Amino acid sequence: MKLHQNPRPTTPLVTGFGDGYLQIGDRRLTRTLVLGPGTLLEDWGSGNLDDLKPDDFAQLIPLSVQILLLGTGPVQRFPKPALLRPLIDAGIGVEVMDTLAAARTYNILVAEGRSVAAVLMQPDVAP
């Protein structure tokens, strides 16, 4: 499914999605990724929320955003609060939702000029 065009060319947007992938610009990505102002981190962390550590989220603090959207895969799963503690301590608000909802919300907030980043988790699949 195709979404909309990017009103801010330096900020990557989710331009489409399908079974097992997110499209960023003209690239199809199948692994967990991070989007933010001028940032696309491919193959970030794990596709399993239970395998992530607080340090994984601490490395996102330099993105200097006000909001981080956490897309937890095909269903919304709430992480343990300790996992997000580095972001909370840095004053970054965190919203948790399923990955497709996070992708759509991210695009909307970017279009509004908001200071936002998104972790979009894709389940790990065997090669």
PDB file of N, CA and C in Angstrom:
ATOM      1  N   MET A   1       0.841  -1.167   0.000  1.00  0.00           N
ATOM      2  CA  MET A   1       0.000   0.000   0.000  1.00  0.00           C
ATOM      3  C   MET A   1       0.889   1.234   0.000  1.00  0.00           C
ATOM      4  N   LYS A   2       0.594   2.188  -0.829  1.00  0.00           N
ATOM      5  CA  LYS A   2       1.354   3.427  -0.928  1.00  0.00           C
ATOM      6  C   LYS A   2       0.764   4.454   0.022  1.00  0.00           C
ATOM      7  N   LEU A   3       1.634   5.180   0.722  1.00  0.00           N
ATOM      8  CA  LEU A   3       1.174   6.243   1.605  1.00  0.00           C
ATOM      9  C   LEU A   3       1.337   7.562   0.882  1.00  0.00           C
ATOM     10  N   HIS A   4       1.855   8.598   1.509  1.00  0.00           N
ATOM     11  CA  HIS A   4       1.921   9.897   0.846  1.00  0.00           C
ATOM     12  C   HIS A   4       3.345  10.372   0.634  1.00  0.00           C
ATOM     13  N   GLN A   5       3.488  11.461  -0.157  1.00  0.00           N
ATOM     14  CA  GLN A   5       4.807  11.999  -0.455  1.00  0.00           C
ATOM     15  C   GLN A   5       5.384  12.717   0.745  1.00  0.00           C
ATOM     16  N   ASN A   6       6.693  12.871   0.742  1.00  0.00           N
ATOM     17  CA  ASN A   6       7.410  13.494   1.847  1.00  0.00           C
ATOM     18  C   ASN A   6       7.449  15.012   1.691  1.00  0.00           C
ATOM     19  N   PRO A   7       6.802  15.753   2.620  1.00  0.00           N
ATOM     20  CA  PRO A   7       6.860  17.206   2.542  1.00  0.00           C
ATOM     21  C   PRO A   7       8.188  17.771   3.048  1.00  0.00           C
ATOM     22  N   ARG A   8       9.008  16.943   3.709  1.00  0.00           N
ATOM     23  CA  ARG A   8      10.304  17.355   4.243  1.00  0.00           C
ATOM     24  C   ARG A   8      11.363  16.391   3.717  1.00  0.00           C
ATOM     25  N   PRO A   9      12.025  16.753   2.617  1.00  0.00           N
ATOM     26  CA  PRO A   9      12.921  15.805   1.952  1.00  0.00           C
ATOM     27  C   PRO A   9      14.089  15.299   2.804  1.00  0.00           C
ATOM     28  N   THR A  10      14.503  16.042   3.841  1.00  0.00           N
ATOM     29  CA  THR A  10      15.622  15.567   4.655  1.00  0.00           C
ATOM     30  C   THR A  10      15.182  14.591   5.735  1.00  0.00           C
ATOM     31  N   THR A  11      13.884  14.444   5.939  1.00  0.00           N
ATOM     32  CA  THR A  11      13.370  13.518   6.946  1.00  0.00           C
ATOM     33  C   THR A  11      12.716  12.340   6.237  1.00  0.00           C
ATOM     34  N   PRO A  12      13.242  11.135   6.451  1.00  0.00           N
ATOM     35  CA  PRO A  12      12.665   9.978   5.767  1.00  0.00           C
ATOM     36  C   PRO A  12      11.256   9.686   6.274  1.00  0.00           C
ATOM     37  N   LEU A  13      10.398   9.267   5.365  1.00  0.00           N
ATOM     38  CA  LEU A  13       9.033   8.871   5.694  1.00  0.00           C
ATOM     39  C   LEU A  13       8.782   7.440   5.254  1.00  0.00           C
ATOM     40  N   VAL A  14       7.784   6.836   5.856  1.00  0.00           N
ATOM     41  CA  VAL A  14       7.302   5.538   5.388  1.00  0.00           C
ATOM     42  C   VAL A  14       6.389   5.831   4.206  1.00  0.00           C
ATOM     43  N   THR A  15       6.771   5.332   3.044  1.00  0.00           N
ATOM     44  CA  THR A  15       6.016   5.613   1.824  1.00  0.00           C
ATOM     45  C   THR A  15       5.133   4.449   1.398  1.00  0.00           C
ATOM     46  N   GLY A  16       5.266   3.324   2.086  1.00  0.00           N
ATOM     47  CA  GLY A  16       4.425   2.186   1.782  1.00  0.00           C
ATOM     48  C   GLY A  16       4.729   1.045   2.728  1.00  0.00           C
ATOM     49  N   PHE A  17       3.896   0.026   2.695  1.00  0.00           N
ATOM     50  CA  PHE A  17       4.130  -1.154   3.512  1.00  0.00           C
ATOM     51  C   PHE A  17       3.438  -2.337   2.872  1.00  0.00           C
ATOM     52  N   GLY A  18       3.852  -3.515   3.283  1.00  0.00           N
ATOM     53  CA  GLY A  18       3.245  -4.741   2.790  1.00  0.00           C
ATOM     54  C   GLY A  18       3.559  -5.848   3.763  1.00  0.00           C
ATOM     55  N   ASP A  19       3.284  -7.054   3.357  1.00  0.00           N
ATOM     56  CA  ASP A  19       3.505  -8.202   4.219  1.00  0.00           C
ATOM     57  C   ASP A  19       4.992  -8.350   4.539  1.00  0.00           C
ATOM     58  N   GLY A  20       5.389  -7.982   5.745  1.00  0.00           N
ATOM     59  CA  GLY A  20       6.762  -8.173   6.194  1.00  0.00           C
ATOM     60  C   GLY A  20       7.745  -7.094   5.802  1.00  0.00           C
ATOM     61  N   TYR A  21       7.289  -5.961   5.260  1.00  0.00           N
ATOM     62  CA  TYR A  21       8.239  -4.902   4.914  1.00  0.00           C
ATOM     63  C   TYR A  21       7.631  -3.526   5.135  1.00  0.00           C
ATOM     64  N   LEU A  22       8.517  -2.564   5.296  1.00  0.00           N
ATOM     65  CA  LEU A  22       8.165  -1.146   5.271  1.00  0.00           C
ATOM     66  C   LEU A  22       8.949  -0.529   4.133  1.00  0.00           C
ATOM     67  N   GLN A  23       8.340   0.361   3.409  1.00  0.00           N
ATOM     68  CA  GLN A  23       9.041   1.046   2.333  1.00  0.00           C
ATOM     69  C   GLN A  23       9.387   2.445   2.812  1.00  0.00           C
ATOM     70  N   ILE A  24      10.672   2.779   2.748  1.00  0.00           N
ATOM     71  CA  ILE A  24      11.176   4.093   3.124  1.00  0.00           C
ATOM     72  C   ILE A  24      11.737   4.689   1.834  1.00  0.00           C
ATOM     73  N   GLY A  25      11.070   5.727   1.327  1.00  0.00           N
ATOM     74  CA  GLY A  25      11.443   6.226   0.006  1.00  0.00           C
ATOM     75  C   GLY A  25      11.174   5.132  -1.003  1.00  0.00           C
ATOM     76  N   ASP A  26      12.211   4.764  -1.749  1.00  0.00           N
ATOM     77  CA  ASP A  26      12.044   3.696  -2.742  1.00  0.00           C
ATOM     78  C   ASP A  26      12.650   2.380  -2.277  1.00  0.00           C
ATOM     79  N   ARG A  27      12.997   2.288  -0.995  1.00  0.00           N
ATOM     80  CA  ARG A  27      13.638   1.074  -0.460  1.00  0.00           C
ATOM     81  C   ARG A  27      12.674   0.266   0.393  1.00  0.00           C
ATOM     82  N   ARG A  28      12.677  -1.040   0.189  1.00  0.00           N
ATOM     83  CA  ARG A  28      11.890  -1.948   1.025  1.00  0.00           C
ATOM     84  C   ARG A  28      12.801  -2.522   2.105  1.00  0.00           C
ATOM     85  N   LEU A  29      12.397  -2.317   3.349  1.00  0.00           N
ATOM     86  CA  LEU A  29      13.195  -2.789   4.477  1.00  0.00           C
ATOM     87  C   LEU A  29      12.396  -3.792   5.289  1.00  0.00           C
ATOM     88  N   THR A  30      13.049  -4.860   5.687  1.00  0.00           N
ATOM     89  CA  THR A  30      12.359  -5.943   6.380  1.00  0.00           C
ATOM     90  C   THR A  30      12.819  -6.113   7.823  1.00  0.00           C
ATOM     91  N   ARG A  31      13.691  -5.244   8.279  1.00  0.00           N
ATOM     92  CA  ARG A  31      14.217  -5.354   9.644  1.00  0.00           C
ATOM     93  C   ARG A  31      13.786  -4.145  10.469  1.00  0.00           C
ATOM     94  N   THR A  32      13.944  -4.239  11.769  1.00  0.00           N
ATOM     95  CA  THR A  32      13.621  -3.138  12.663  1.00  0.00           C
ATOM     96  C   THR A  32      14.472  -1.930  12.304  1.00  0.00           C
ATOM     97  N   LEU A  33      13.844  -0.751  12.283  1.00  0.00           N
ATOM     98  CA  LEU A  33      14.556   0.465  11.885  1.00  0.00           C
ATOM     99  C   LEU A  33      14.140   1.641  12.749  1.00  0.00           C
ATOM    100  N   VAL A  34      14.940   2.698  12.666  1.00  0.00           N
ATOM    101  CA  VAL A  34      14.652   3.952  13.361  1.00  0.00           C
ATOM    102  C   VAL A  34      14.601   5.057  12.320  1.00  0.00           C
ATOM    103  N   LEU A  35      13.547   5.871  12.396  1.00  0.00           N
ATOM    104  CA  LEU A  35      13.412   7.052  11.555  1.00  0.00           C
ATOM    105  C   LEU A  35      13.402   8.283  12.456  1.00  0.00           C
ATOM    106  N   GLY A  36      14.026   9.337  11.983  1.00  0.00           N
ATOM    107  CA  GLY A  36      14.016  10.587  12.736  1.00  0.00           C
ATOM    108  C   GLY A  36      14.504  11.708  11.855  1.00  0.00           C
ATOM    109  N   PRO A  37      14.650  12.900  12.420  1.00  0.00           N
ATOM    110  CA  PRO A  37      15.114  14.039  11.629  1.00  0.00           C
ATOM    111  C   PRO A  37      16.453  13.736  10.957  1.00  0.00           C
ATOM    112  N   GLY A  38      16.446  13.638   9.629  1.00  0.00           N
ATOM    113  CA  GLY A  38      17.665  13.354   8.883  1.00  0.00           C
ATOM    114  C   GLY A  38      18.274  11.997   9.173  1.00  0.00           C
ATOM    115  N   THR A  39      17.479  11.062   9.706  1.00  0.00           N
ATOM    116  CA  THR A  39      18.022   9.788  10.191  1.00  0.00           C
ATOM    117  C   THR A  39      17.227   8.595   9.686  1.00  0.00           C
ATOM    118  N   LEU A  40      17.947   7.608   9.200  1.00  0.00           N
ATOM    119  CA  LEU A  40      17.405   6.278   8.938  1.00  0.00           C
ATOM    120  C   LEU A  40      18.445   5.284   9.433  1.00  0.00           C
ATOM    121  N   LEU A  41      18.138   4.631  10.541  1.00  0.00           N
ATOM    122  CA  LEU A  41      19.013   3.588  11.077  1.00  0.00           C
ATOM    123  C   LEU A  41      18.396   2.247  10.711  1.00  0.00           C
ATOM    124  N   GLU A  42      19.048   1.538   9.827  1.00  0.00           N
ATOM    125  CA  GLU A  42      18.542   0.241   9.377  1.00  0.00           C
ATOM    126  C   GLU A  42      19.022  -0.864  10.297  1.00  0.00           C
ATOM    127  N   ASP A  43      18.215  -1.904  10.401  1.00  0.00           N
ATOM    128  CA  ASP A  43      18.584  -3.091  11.161  1.00  0.00           C
ATOM    129  C   ASP A  43      18.974  -2.729  12.590  1.00  0.00           C
ATOM    130  N   TRP A  44      18.143  -1.902  13.241  1.00  0.00           N
ATOM    131  CA  TRP A  44      18.391  -1.447  14.603  1.00  0.00           C
ATOM    132  C   TRP A  44      17.885  -2.477  15.599  1.00  0.00           C
ATOM    133  N   GLY A  45      18.646  -2.753  16.608  1.00  0.00           N
ATOM    134  CA  GLY A  45      18.204  -3.628  17.690  1.00  0.00           C
ATOM    135  C   GLY A  45      17.734  -4.981  17.210  1.00  0.00           C
ATOM    136  N   SER A  46      16.685  -5.430  17.840  1.00  0.00           N
ATOM    137  CA  SER A  46      16.138  -6.756  17.560  1.00  0.00           C
ATOM    138  C   SER A  46      14.692  -6.621  17.135  1.00  0.00           C
ATOM    139  N   GLY A  47      14.203  -7.581  16.425  1.00  0.00           N
ATOM    140  CA  GLY A  47      12.788  -7.620  16.090  1.00  0.00           C
ATOM    141  C   GLY A  47      11.953  -8.153  17.232  1.00  0.00           C
ATOM    142  N   ASN A  48      12.596  -8.422  18.368  1.00  0.00           N
ATOM    143  CA  ASN A  48      11.905  -8.962  19.536  1.00  0.00           C
ATOM    144  C   ASN A  48      12.037  -7.968  20.688  1.00  0.00           C
ATOM    145  N   LEU A  49      10.936  -7.430  21.135  1.00  0.00           N
ATOM    146  CA  LEU A  49      10.926  -6.454  22.218  1.00  0.00           C
ATOM    147  C   LEU A  49      11.617  -6.984  23.464  1.00  0.00           C
ATOM    148  N   ASP A  50      11.480  -8.274  23.735  1.00  0.00           N
ATOM    149  CA  ASP A  50      12.072  -8.868  24.935  1.00  0.00           C
ATOM    150  C   ASP A  50      13.600  -8.908  24.891  1.00  0.00           C
ATOM    151  N   ASP A  51      14.198  -8.766  23.707  1.00  0.00           N
ATOM    152  CA  ASP A  51      15.654  -8.812  23.577  1.00  0.00           C
ATOM    153  C   ASP A  51      16.310  -7.436  23.694  1.00  0.00           C
ATOM    154  N   LEU A  52      15.513  -6.370  23.681  1.00  0.00           N
ATOM    155  CA  LEU A  52      16.081  -5.023  23.742  1.00  0.00           C
ATOM    156  C   LEU A  52      16.499  -4.668  25.163  1.00  0.00           C
ATOM    157  N   LYS A  53      17.456  -3.763  25.249  1.00  0.00           N
ATOM    158  CA  LYS A  53      18.014  -3.305  26.530  1.00  0.00           C
ATOM    159  C   LYS A  53      17.857  -1.788  26.625  1.00  0.00           C
ATOM    160  N   PRO A  54      17.898  -1.233  27.831  1.00  0.00           N
ATOM    161  CA  PRO A  54      17.832   0.223  27.977  1.00  0.00           C
ATOM    162  C   PRO A  54      18.889   0.955  27.153  1.00  0.00           C
ATOM    163  N   ASP A  55      20.076   0.372  27.008  1.00  0.00           N
ATOM    164  CA  ASP A  55      21.139   1.003  26.216  1.00  0.00           C
ATOM    165  C   ASP A  55      20.741   1.167  24.747  1.00  0.00           C
ATOM    166  N   ASP A  56      19.910   0.249  24.237  1.00  0.00           N
ATOM    167  CA  ASP A  56      19.440   0.386  22.847  1.00  0.00           C
ATOM    168  C   ASP A  56      18.663   1.687  22.690  1.00  0.00           C
ATOM    169  N   PHE A  57      17.841   2.016  23.677  1.00  0.00           N
ATOM    170  CA  PHE A  57      17.059   3.242  23.617  1.00  0.00           C
ATOM    171  C   PHE A  57      17.889   4.464  23.976  1.00  0.00           C
ATOM    172  N   ALA A  58      18.879   4.302  24.849  1.00  0.00           N
ATOM    173  CA  ALA A  58      19.746   5.429  25.215  1.00  0.00           C
ATOM    174  C   ALA A  58      20.475   5.976  23.993  1.00  0.00           C
ATOM    175  N   GLN A  59      20.813   5.112  23.032  1.00  0.00           N
ATOM    176  CA  GLN A  59      21.519   5.585  21.840  1.00  0.00           C
ATOM    177  C   GLN A  59      20.646   6.448  20.934  1.00  0.00           C
ATOM    178  N   LEU A  60      19.346   6.534  21.228  1.00  0.00           N
ATOM    179  CA  LEU A  60      18.450   7.372  20.437  1.00  0.00           C
ATOM    180  C   LEU A  60      18.325   8.797  20.991  1.00  0.00           C
ATOM    181  N   ILE A  61      18.825   9.028  22.184  1.00  0.00           N
ATOM    182  CA  ILE A  61      18.723  10.352  22.803  1.00  0.00           C
ATOM    183  C   ILE A  61      19.346  11.445  21.934  1.00  0.00           C
ATOM    184  N   PRO A  62      20.490  11.219  21.271  1.00  0.00           N
ATOM    185  CA  PRO A  62      21.061  12.281  20.429  1.00  0.00           C
ATOM    186  C   PRO A  62      20.186  12.721  19.256  1.00  0.00           C
ATOM    187  N   LEU A  63      19.119  11.996  18.953  1.00  0.00           N
ATOM    188  CA  LEU A  63      18.202  12.447  17.903  1.00  0.00           C
ATOM    189  C   LEU A  63      17.509  13.749  18.304  1.00  0.00           C
ATOM    190  N   SER A  64      17.521  14.057  19.598  1.00  0.00           N
ATOM    191  CA  SER A  64      16.971  15.312  20.126  1.00  0.00           C
ATOM    192  C   SER A  64      15.538  15.560  19.679  1.00  0.00           C
ATOM    193  N   VAL A  65      14.680  14.566  19.892  1.00  0.00           N
ATOM    194  CA  VAL A  65      13.268  14.711  19.554  1.00  0.00           C
ATOM    195  C   VAL A  65      12.450  14.844  20.836  1.00  0.00           C
ATOM    196  N   GLN A  66      11.227  15.305  20.680  1.00  0.00           N
ATOM    197  CA  GLN A  66      10.325  15.412  21.823  1.00  0.00           C
ATOM    198  C   GLN A  66       9.519  14.138  22.029  1.00  0.00           C
ATOM    199  N   ILE A  67       9.273  13.416  20.925  1.00  0.00           N
ATOM    200  CA  ILE A  67       8.423  12.229  20.966  1.00  0.00           C
ATOM    201  C   ILE A  67       9.114  11.083  20.241  1.00  0.00           C
ATOM    202  N   LEU A  68       9.067   9.903  20.852  1.00  0.00           N
ATOM    203  CA  LEU A  68       9.504   8.686  20.175  1.00  0.00           C
ATOM    204  C   LEU A  68       8.297   7.764  20.094  1.00  0.00           C
ATOM    205  N   LEU A  69       7.964   7.359  18.877  1.00  0.00           N
ATOM    206  CA  LEU A  69       6.909   6.378  18.664  1.00  0.00           C
ATOM    207  C   LEU A  69       7.560   5.003  18.607  1.00  0.00           C
ATOM    208  N   LEU A  70       7.053   4.084  19.403  1.00  0.00           N
ATOM    209  CA  LEU A  70       7.578   2.724  19.424  1.00  0.00           C
ATOM    210  C   LEU A  70       6.546   1.799  18.810  1.00  0.00           C
ATOM    211  N   GLY A  71       6.840   1.333  17.598  1.00  0.00           N
ATOM    212  CA  GLY A  71       5.983   0.366  16.914  1.00  0.00           C
ATOM    213  C   GLY A  71       6.489  -1.025  17.246  1.00  0.00           C
ATOM    214  N   THR A  72       5.678  -1.816  17.936  1.00  0.00           N
ATOM    215  CA  THR A  72       6.134  -3.089  18.502  1.00  0.00           C
ATOM    216  C   THR A  72       5.821  -4.309  17.643  1.00  0.00           C
ATOM    217  N   GLY A  73       5.618  -4.112  16.350  1.00  0.00           N
ATOM    218  CA  GLY A  73       5.327  -5.245  15.474  1.00  0.00           C
ATOM    219  C   GLY A  73       3.859  -5.275  15.105  1.00  0.00           C
ATOM    220  N   PRO A  74       3.340  -6.446  14.752  1.00  0.00           N
ATOM    221  CA  PRO A  74       1.961  -6.524  14.271  1.00  0.00           C
ATOM    222  C   PRO A  74       0.914  -6.232  15.347  1.00  0.00           C
ATOM    223  N   VAL A  75       1.296  -6.342  16.604  1.00  0.00           N
ATOM    224  CA  VAL A  75       0.379  -6.025  17.708  1.00  0.00           C
ATOM    225  C   VAL A  75       1.081  -5.111  18.703  1.00  0.00           C
ATOM    226  N   GLN A  76       0.292  -4.304  19.377  1.00  0.00           N
ATOM    227  CA  GLN A  76       0.823  -3.418  20.399  1.00  0.00           C
ATOM    228  C   GLN A  76       1.237  -4.244  21.616  1.00  0.00           C
ATOM    229  N   ARG A  77       2.482  -4.039  22.046  1.00  0.00           N
ATOM    230  CA  ARG A  77       3.004  -4.694  23.253  1.00  0.00           C
ATOM    231  C   ARG A  77       3.694  -3.630  24.083  1.00  0.00           C
ATOM    232  N   PHE A  78       3.371  -3.555  25.341  1.00  0.00           N
ATOM    233  CA  PHE A  78       3.991  -2.553  26.198  1.00  0.00           C
ATOM    234  C   PHE A  78       5.282  -3.094  26.796  1.00  0.00           C
ATOM    235  N   PRO A  79       6.380  -2.337  26.641  1.00  0.00           N
ATOM    236  CA  PRO A  79       7.651  -2.771  27.216  1.00  0.00           C
ATOM    237  C   PRO A  79       7.674  -2.527  28.717  1.00  0.00           C
ATOM    238  N   LYS A  80       8.601  -3.184  29.387  1.00  0.00           N
ATOM    239  CA  LYS A  80       8.812  -2.909  30.807  1.00  0.00           C
ATOM    240  C   LYS A  80       9.292  -1.463  30.933  1.00  0.00           C
ATOM    241  N   PRO A  81       8.813  -0.743  31.936  1.00  0.00           N
ATOM    242  CA  PRO A  81       9.192   0.665  32.086  1.00  0.00           C
ATOM    243  C   PRO A  81      10.709   0.900  32.133  1.00  0.00           C
ATOM    244  N   ALA A  82      11.459  -0.025  32.716  1.00  0.00           N
ATOM    245  CA  ALA A  82      12.921   0.141  32.813  1.00  0.00           C
ATOM    246  C   ALA A  82      13.566   0.229  31.428  1.00  0.00           C
ATOM    247  N   LEU A  83      12.971  -0.401  30.444  1.00  0.00           N
ATOM    248  CA  LEU A  83      13.520  -0.388  29.094  1.00  0.00           C
ATOM    249  C   LEU A  83      13.545   1.032  28.519  1.00  0.00           C
ATOM    250  N   LEU A  84      12.530   1.808  28.827  1.00  0.00           N
ATOM    251  CA  LEU A  84      12.401   3.151  28.278  1.00  0.00           C
ATOM    252  C   LEU A  84      12.938   4.235  29.212  1.00  0.00           C
ATOM    253  N   ARG A  85      13.454   3.854  30.367  1.00  0.00           N
ATOM    254  CA  ARG A  85      13.919   4.815  31.371  1.00  0.00           C
ATOM    255  C   ARG A  85      14.894   5.840  30.807  1.00  0.00           C
ATOM    256  N   PRO A  86      15.870   5.468  29.959  1.00  0.00           N
ATOM    257  CA  PRO A  86      16.785   6.496  29.435  1.00  0.00           C
ATOM    258  C   PRO A  86      16.060   7.598  28.662  1.00  0.00           C
ATOM    259  N   LEU A  87      15.040   7.236  27.902  1.00  0.00           N
ATOM    260  CA  LEU A  87      14.286   8.235  27.146  1.00  0.00           C
ATOM    261  C   LEU A  87      13.468   9.123  28.080  1.00  0.00           C
ATOM    262  N   ILE A  88      12.823   8.507  29.036  1.00  0.00           N
ATOM    263  CA  ILE A  88      12.003   9.255  29.987  1.00  0.00           C
ATOM    264  C   ILE A  88      12.878  10.234  30.776  1.00  0.00           C
ATOM    265  N   ASP A  89      14.040   9.758  31.231  1.00  0.00           N
ATOM    266  CA  ASP A  89      14.958  10.621  31.974  1.00  0.00           C
ATOM    267  C   ASP A  89      15.457  11.784  31.120  1.00  0.00           C
ATOM    268  N   ALA A  90      15.516  11.587  29.803  1.00  0.00           N
ATOM    269  CA  ALA A  90      15.963  12.641  28.886  1.00  0.00           C
ATOM    270  C   ALA A  90      14.817  13.572  28.478  1.00  0.00           C
ATOM    271  N   GLY A  91      13.615  13.334  29.013  1.00  0.00           N
ATOM    272  CA  GLY A  91      12.479  14.192  28.702  1.00  0.00           C
ATOM    273  C   GLY A  91      11.827  13.901  27.363  1.00  0.00           C
ATOM    274  N   ILE A  92      12.044  12.706  26.848  1.00  0.00           N
ATOM    275  CA  ILE A  92      11.455  12.310  25.568  1.00  0.00           C
ATOM    276  C   ILE A  92      10.193  11.501  25.853  1.00  0.00           C
ATOM    277  N   GLY A  93       9.071  11.971  25.322  1.00  0.00           N
ATOM    278  CA  GLY A  93       7.822  11.240  25.480  1.00  0.00           C
ATOM    279  C   GLY A  93       7.811  10.006  24.597  1.00  0.00           C
ATOM    280  N   VAL A  94       7.232   8.931  25.088  1.00  0.00           N
ATOM    281  CA  VAL A  94       7.183   7.675  24.337  1.00  0.00           C
ATOM    282  C   VAL A  94       5.736   7.240  24.188  1.00  0.00           C
ATOM    283  N   GLU A  95       5.353   6.945  22.966  1.00  0.00           N
ATOM    284  CA  GLU A  95       4.026   6.404  22.663  1.00  0.00           C
ATOM    285  C   GLU A  95       4.225   5.020  22.057  1.00  0.00           C
ATOM    286  N   VAL A  96       3.490   4.042  22.554  1.00  0.00           N
ATOM    287  CA  VAL A  96       3.626   2.655  22.110  1.00  0.00           C
ATOM    288  C   VAL A  96       2.383   2.251  21.326  1.00  0.00           C
ATOM    289  N   MET A  97       2.607   1.652  20.156  1.00  0.00           N
ATOM    290  CA  MET A  97       1.500   1.182  19.314  1.00  0.00           C
ATOM    291  C   MET A  97       2.026   0.094  18.383  1.00  0.00           C
ATOM    292  N   ASP A  98       1.155  -0.502  17.591  1.00  0.00           N
ATOM    293  CA  ASP A  98       1.654  -1.483  16.624  1.00  0.00           C
ATOM    294  C   ASP A  98       2.456  -0.737  15.549  1.00  0.00           C
ATOM    295  N   THR A  99       3.276  -1.443  14.813  1.00  0.00           N
ATOM    296  CA  THR A  99       4.210  -0.816  13.877  1.00  0.00           C
ATOM    297  C   THR A  99       3.517  -0.010  12.782  1.00  0.00           C
ATOM    298  N   LEU A 100       2.450  -0.522  12.193  1.00  0.00           N
ATOM    299  CA  LEU A 100       1.799   0.232  11.119  1.00  0.00           C
ATOM    300  C   LEU A 100       1.147   1.503  11.650  1.00  0.00           C
ATOM    301  N   ALA A 101       0.566   1.449  12.836  1.00  0.00           N
ATOM    302  CA  ALA A 101      -0.003   2.658  13.440  1.00  0.00           C
ATOM    303  C   ALA A 101       1.110   3.661  13.744  1.00  0.00           C
ATOM    304  N   ALA A 102       2.247   3.168  14.212  1.00  0.00           N
ATOM    305  CA  ALA A 102       3.382   4.061  14.501  1.00  0.00           C
ATOM    306  C   ALA A 102       3.904   4.701  13.216  1.00  0.00           C
ATOM    307  N   ALA A 103       3.950   3.952  12.128  1.00  0.00           N
ATOM    308  CA  ALA A 103       4.419   4.489  10.850  1.00  0.00           C
ATOM    309  C   ALA A 103       3.492   5.589  10.347  1.00  0.00           C
ATOM    310  N   ARG A 104       2.199   5.349  10.406  1.00  0.00           N
ATOM    311  CA  ARG A 104       1.234   6.363   9.963  1.00  0.00           C
ATOM    312  C   ARG A 104       1.302   7.598  10.852  1.00  0.00           C
ATOM    313  N   THR A 105       1.368   7.398  12.158  1.00  0.00           N
ATOM    314  CA  THR A 105       1.431   8.521  13.098  1.00  0.00           C
ATOM    315  C   THR A 105       2.706   9.319  12.901  1.00  0.00           C
ATOM    316  N   TYR A 106       3.816   8.634  12.683  1.00  0.00           N
ATOM    317  CA  TYR A 106       5.095   9.304  12.427  1.00  0.00           C
ATOM    318  C   TYR A 106       4.971  10.226  11.210  1.00  0.00           C
ATOM    319  N   ASN A 107       4.442   9.717  10.107  1.00  0.00           N
ATOM    320  CA  ASN A 107       4.289  10.532   8.896  1.00  0.00           C
ATOM    321  C   ASN A 107       3.441  11.774   9.164  1.00  0.00           C
ATOM    322  N   ILE A 108       2.359  11.603   9.907  1.00  0.00           N
ATOM    323  CA  ILE A 108       1.479  12.737  10.215  1.00  0.00           C
ATOM    324  C   ILE A 108       2.212  13.773  11.058  1.00  0.00           C
ATOM    325  N   LEU A 109       2.920  13.327  12.084  1.00  0.00           N
ATOM    326  CA  LEU A 109       3.624  14.263  12.963  1.00  0.00           C
ATOM    327  C   LEU A 109       4.754  14.987  12.233  1.00  0.00           C
ATOM    328  N   VAL A 110       5.462  14.297  11.340  1.00  0.00           N
ATOM    329  CA  VAL A 110       6.494  14.953  10.528  1.00  0.00           C
ATOM    330  C   VAL A 110       5.850  16.028   9.655  1.00  0.00           C
ATOM    331  N   ALA A 111       4.726  15.703   9.035  1.00  0.00           N
ATOM    332  CA  ALA A 111       4.035  16.667   8.174  1.00  0.00           C
ATOM    333  C   ALA A 111       3.583  17.896   8.958  1.00  0.00           C
ATOM    334  N   GLU A 112       3.302  17.715  10.244  1.00  0.00           N
ATOM    335  CA  GLU A 112       2.913  18.830  11.111  1.00  0.00           C
ATOM    336  C   GLU A 112       4.113  19.619  11.626  1.00  0.00           C
ATOM    337  N   GLY A 113       5.323  19.144  11.299  1.00  0.00           N
ATOM    338  CA  GLY A 113       6.525  19.833  11.760  1.00  0.00           C
ATOM    339  C   GLY A 113       6.936  19.483  13.177  1.00  0.00           C
ATOM    340  N   ARG A 114       6.422  18.385  13.701  1.00  0.00           N
ATOM    341  CA  ARG A 114       6.733  17.977  15.070  1.00  0.00           C
ATOM    342  C   ARG A 114       8.120  17.354  15.157  1.00  0.00           C
ATOM    343  N   SER A 115       8.706  17.401  16.327  1.00  0.00           N
ATOM    344  CA  SER A 115      10.013  16.815  16.600  1.00  0.00           C
ATOM    345  C   SER A 115       9.793  15.363  17.033  1.00  0.00           C
ATOM    346  N   VAL A 116       9.903  14.435  16.086  1.00  0.00           N
ATOM    347  CA  VAL A 116       9.504  13.053  16.324  1.00  0.00           C
ATOM    348  C   VAL A 116      10.486  12.081  15.694  1.00  0.00           C
ATOM    349  N   ALA A 117      10.613  10.919  16.333  1.00  0.00           N
ATOM    350  CA  ALA A 117      11.349   9.784  15.772  1.00  0.00           C
ATOM    351  C   ALA A 117      10.478   8.547  15.981  1.00  0.00           C
ATOM    352  N   ALA A 118      10.792   7.478  15.272  1.00  0.00           N
ATOM    353  CA  ALA A 118      10.030   6.242  15.409  1.00  0.00           C
ATOM    354  C   ALA A 118      10.955   5.042  15.345  1.00  0.00           C
ATOM    355  N   VAL A 119      10.738   4.108  16.262  1.00  0.00           N
ATOM    356  CA  VAL A 119      11.330   2.775  16.181  1.00  0.00           C
ATOM    357  C   VAL A 119      10.224   1.898  15.614  1.00  0.00           C
ATOM    358  N   LEU A 120      10.479   1.315  14.451  1.00  0.00           N
ATOM    359  CA  LEU A 120       9.474   0.495  13.772  1.00  0.00           C
ATOM    360  C   LEU A 120       9.991  -0.934  13.734  1.00  0.00           C
ATOM    361  N   MET A 121       9.478  -1.725  14.665  1.00  0.00           N
ATOM    362  CA  MET A 121       9.949  -3.100  14.815  1.00  0.00           C
ATOM    363  C   MET A 121       9.297  -4.008  13.795  1.00  0.00           C
ATOM    364  N   GLN A 122      10.131  -4.840  13.197  1.00  0.00           N
ATOM    365  CA  GLN A 122       9.681  -5.899  12.303  1.00  0.00           C
ATOM    366  C   GLN A 122      10.143  -7.200  12.939  1.00  0.00           C
ATOM    367  N   PRO A 123       9.268  -8.187  13.019  1.00  0.00           N
ATOM    368  CA  PRO A 123       9.690  -9.458  13.612  1.00  0.00           C
ATOM    369  C   PRO A 123      10.902 -10.034  12.887  1.00  0.00           C
ATOM    370  N   ASP A 124      11.864 -10.526  13.663  1.00  0.00           N
ATOM    371  CA  ASP A 124      13.021 -11.187  13.066  1.00  0.00           C
ATOM    372  C   ASP A 124      12.562 -12.421  12.335  1.00  0.00           C
ATOM    373  N   VAL A 125      13.105 -12.613  11.147  1.00  0.00           N
ATOM    374  CA  VAL A 125      12.791 -13.820  10.378  1.00  0.00           C
ATOM    375  C   VAL A 125      14.101 -14.492  10.017  1.00  0.00           C
ATOM    376  N   ALA A 126      14.069 -15.779   9.948  1.00  0.00           N
ATOM    377  CA  ALA A 126      15.271 -16.526   9.581  1.00  0.00           C
ATOM    378  C   ALA A 126      15.596 -16.239   8.113  1.00  0.00           C
ATOM    379  N   PRO A 127      16.905 -16.085   7.779  1.00  0.00           N
ATOM    380  CA  PRO A 127      17.281 -15.816   6.377  1.00  0.00           C
ATOM    381  C   PRO A 127      16.969 -16.976   5.466  1.00  0.00           C
TER     382      PRO A 127
END
